[in-house]
Amino acid sequence: MHTETVRISKRKPTKSRRNVIENLKNKIRNLVVLKNKEMKIKSLNSVLKFWQETIFIIALGILVGGITMNISISFQYKINIVFYCLFVLLLICLVGQFYWKNLALALWLAVILGLGSAYMILAALSDLVKMTKTDEGYLYTIFALFLSMGLTVIAISMPFKYFMPVNRIEMKTSMETEKQQT
């Protein structure tokens, strides 16, 4: 039999050894970068899973911001404080839905936002009947009509993600992991 002896030297690493070490370091860096990218993708997926709530957050945020600007600029607009508080409460509940993932809250939000959007459809249709095509606000009214229709469809579709078995399992496991962390 043929045996080989291997000598272990205490010399400085040669260029090939340095290259191997650098390659390993680069691979480790790439793995860390990939893990960070995966975490960003997972957080983006969690936001995309709640796209309906995100759209309503943006819409209500614009509404509350517009009301607040009108109040601060001049007091000529009479704002019903009850509706303003309702809008702020809805905004808080929609943001909280990202964390709570509660089916009952999703159903209530869907009903309230769906009824509000249906009311806006009726208001836009009422204005549209009164207007002629040459009126200044005609295009704005048509835009409001289509926007309200879209928001109504989104409000109706919002709670359905909680009824799908895959999503219910994911939400239960995410809630269990949150309880274990606390």
Protein backbone atom coordinates (compact mmCIF):
# COMPACT_ATOMS: atom_id res chain seq x y z
CA MET A 1 0.00 0.00 0.00
CA HIS A 2 0.99 3.49 -0.73
CA THR A 3 0.75 6.05 2.07
CA GLU A 4 1.16 9.77 1.82
CA THR A 5 2.48 11.97 4.47
CA VAL A 6 1.06 15.40 4.89
CA ARG A 7 3.21 18.11 6.26
CA ILE A 8 1.62 20.85 8.25
CA SER A 9 3.57 24.00 7.82
CA LYS A 10 3.54 27.07 9.97
CA ARG A 11 4.24 29.32 7.06
CA LYS A 12 2.07 32.25 6.02
CA PRO A 13 -0.86 31.30 3.79
CA THR A 14 -0.05 31.30 0.15
CA LYS A 15 -2.07 33.16 -2.44
CA SER A 16 -4.25 30.15 -3.09
CA ARG A 17 -5.07 29.81 0.61
CA ARG A 18 -5.79 33.51 0.81
CA ASN A 19 -8.12 33.18 -2.14
CA VAL A 20 -9.94 30.30 -0.49
CA ILE A 21 -10.32 32.29 2.72
CA GLU A 22 -11.56 35.35 0.82
CA ASN A 23 -14.01 33.20 -1.14
CA LEU A 24 -15.41 31.78 2.11
CA LYS A 25 -15.75 35.26 3.58
CA ASN A 26 -17.57 36.44 0.45
CA LYS A 27 -19.93 33.46 0.57
CA ILE A 28 -20.76 34.20 4.20
CA ARG A 29 -21.42 37.87 3.36
CA ASN A 30 -23.67 36.82 0.47
CA LEU A 31 -25.65 34.51 2.78
CA VAL A 32 -26.18 37.36 5.25
CA VAL A 33 -27.33 39.66 2.42
CA LEU A 34 -29.72 36.98 1.13
CA LYS A 35 -31.17 36.52 4.61
CA ASN A 36 -31.76 40.27 4.91
CA LYS A 37 -33.44 40.31 1.49
CA GLU A 38 -35.67 37.40 2.51
CA MET A 39 -36.71 39.29 5.64
CA LYS A 40 -37.59 42.34 3.52
CA ILE A 41 -39.58 40.15 1.14
CA LYS A 42 -41.47 38.56 4.05
CA SER A 43 -42.37 41.98 5.47
CA LEU A 44 -43.51 43.12 2.01
CA ASN A 45 -45.63 39.97 1.69
CA SER A 46 -47.27 40.67 5.04
CA VAL A 47 -48.20 44.16 3.85
CA LEU A 48 -49.48 42.79 0.54
CA LYS A 49 -51.59 40.25 2.41
CA PHE A 50 -53.48 43.20 3.92
CA TRP A 51 -53.74 45.29 0.74
CA GLN A 52 -57.41 46.11 1.35
CA GLU A 53 -56.67 47.59 4.75
CA THR A 54 -53.73 49.51 3.27
CA ILE A 55 -55.98 51.12 0.64
CA PHE A 56 -58.53 52.15 3.28
CA ILE A 57 -55.75 53.49 5.53
CA ILE A 58 -54.58 55.71 2.68
CA ALA A 59 -58.13 56.84 1.84
CA LEU A 60 -59.06 57.60 5.45
CA GLY A 61 -55.69 59.24 6.06
CA ILE A 62 -56.31 61.60 3.15
CA LEU A 63 -59.83 62.29 4.42
CA VAL A 64 -58.74 63.00 8.01
CA GLY A 65 -55.81 65.09 6.77
CA GLY A 66 -58.07 67.11 4.48
CA ILE A 67 -60.58 67.74 7.27
CA THR A 68 -57.80 68.76 9.64
CA MET A 69 -56.32 71.17 7.08
CA ASN A 70 -59.74 72.75 6.47
CA ILE A 71 -60.26 73.21 10.21
CA SER A 72 -56.83 74.75 10.71
CA ILE A 73 -57.00 77.07 7.69
CA SER A 74 -60.40 78.56 8.33
CA PHE A 75 -63.44 77.89 10.44
CA GLN A 76 -65.93 78.39 7.62
CA TYR A 77 -66.50 74.63 7.30
CA LYS A 78 -68.79 73.12 9.89
CA ILE A 79 -67.32 69.76 10.82
CA ASN A 80 -69.32 67.23 12.78
CA ILE A 81 -66.96 66.15 15.54
CA VAL A 82 -68.68 62.76 15.88
CA PHE A 83 -67.89 61.83 12.27
CA TYR A 84 -64.34 63.14 12.61
CA CYS A 85 -63.79 60.95 15.70
CA LEU A 86 -65.36 58.00 13.83
CA PHE A 87 -62.89 58.46 10.97
CA VAL A 88 -59.96 58.60 13.38
CA LEU A 89 -61.24 55.50 15.21
CA LEU A 90 -61.61 53.62 11.91
CA LEU A 91 -58.07 54.63 10.98
CA ILE A 92 -56.74 53.31 14.29
CA CYS A 93 -58.67 50.02 13.88
CA LEU A 94 -57.35 49.55 10.34
CA VAL A 95 -53.77 50.06 11.45
CA GLY A 96 -54.37 47.77 14.43
CA GLN A 97 -55.71 45.07 12.13
CA PHE A 98 -52.13 44.52 10.89
CA TYR A 99 -51.22 43.39 14.41
CA TRP A 100 -54.44 41.94 15.83
CA LYS A 101 -55.65 40.00 12.75
CA ASN A 102 -59.08 39.66 14.33
CA LEU A 103 -61.95 38.17 12.30
CA ALA A 104 -64.70 40.00 14.22
CA LEU A 105 -62.94 43.34 13.77
CA ALA A 106 -62.46 42.62 10.07
CA LEU A 107 -66.17 41.92 9.69
CA TRP A 108 -67.16 45.11 11.51
CA LEU A 109 -64.70 47.17 9.49
CA ALA A 110 -66.00 45.64 6.27
CA VAL A 111 -69.60 46.46 7.18
CA ILE A 112 -68.87 50.04 8.27
CA LEU A 113 -66.56 50.82 5.34
CA GLY A 114 -68.88 49.08 2.86
CA LEU A 115 -71.90 51.07 4.07
CA GLY A 116 -69.90 54.29 3.94
CA SER A 117 -68.76 53.55 0.40
CA ALA A 118 -72.31 52.59 -0.65
CA TYR A 119 -73.52 55.90 0.77
CA MET A 120 -70.90 57.70 -1.30
CA ILE A 121 -72.13 55.86 -4.42
CA LEU A 122 -75.65 57.12 -3.74
CA ALA A 123 -74.37 60.66 -3.11
CA ALA A 124 -72.36 60.64 -6.34
CA LEU A 125 -75.34 59.31 -8.31
CA SER A 126 -77.55 62.00 -6.78
CA ASP A 127 -75.11 64.72 -7.84
CA LEU A 128 -74.68 63.15 -11.27
CA VAL A 129 -78.42 63.26 -11.93
CA LYS A 130 -78.52 66.98 -11.10
CA MET A 131 -75.53 67.87 -13.31
CA THR A 132 -75.17 68.30 -17.03
CA LYS A 133 -72.12 67.20 -18.99
CA THR A 134 -70.92 70.77 -19.27
CA ASP A 135 -70.85 71.39 -15.51
CA GLU A 136 -67.49 71.96 -13.89
CA GLY A 137 -67.69 69.12 -11.35
CA TYR A 138 -69.03 66.48 -13.73
CA LEU A 139 -65.72 64.63 -14.15
CA TYR A 140 -65.01 64.83 -10.42
CA THR A 141 -68.39 63.30 -9.69
CA ILE A 142 -67.76 60.44 -12.12
CA PHE A 143 -64.35 59.89 -10.54
CA ALA A 144 -65.95 59.85 -7.06
CA LEU A 145 -68.55 57.36 -8.30
CA PHE A 146 -65.94 54.91 -9.62
CA LEU A 147 -63.75 55.39 -6.56
CA SER A 148 -66.69 54.63 -4.27
CA MET A 149 -67.58 51.55 -6.30
CA GLY A 150 -64.02 50.28 -6.02
CA LEU A 151 -63.91 50.92 -2.28
CA THR A 152 -67.21 49.07 -1.86
CA VAL A 153 -65.83 46.01 -3.65
CA ILE A 154 -62.65 46.17 -1.57
CA ALA A 155 -64.67 46.46 1.66
CA ILE A 156 -66.73 43.40 0.70
CA SER A 157 -63.62 41.36 -0.15
CA MET A 158 -61.67 42.42 2.97
CA PRO A 159 -62.84 39.77 5.48
CA PHE A 160 -62.67 36.82 3.06
CA LYS A 161 -58.96 36.27 3.67
CA TYR A 162 -59.80 35.31 7.25
CA PHE A 163 -62.07 32.48 6.12
CA MET A 164 -59.45 30.69 3.98
CA PRO A 165 -57.96 27.71 5.86
CA VAL A 166 -54.34 28.49 4.93
CA ASN A 167 -54.56 32.05 6.20
CA ARG A 168 -56.32 30.99 9.40
CA ILE A 169 -53.50 28.55 10.17
CA GLU A 170 -50.86 31.20 9.46
CA MET A 171 -52.65 33.72 11.67
CA LYS A 172 -53.02 31.22 14.51
CA THR A 173 -49.33 30.32 14.34
CA SER A 174 -48.29 33.97 14.21
CA MET A 175 -50.46 34.69 17.25
CA GLU A 176 -48.98 31.70 19.10
CA THR A 177 -45.43 32.85 18.37
CA GLU A 178 -46.29 36.33 19.60
CA LYS A 179 -47.65 34.86 22.84
CA GLN A 180 -44.51 32.77 23.29
CA GLN A 181 -42.29 35.80 22.81
CA THR A 182 -44.07 37.75 25.55
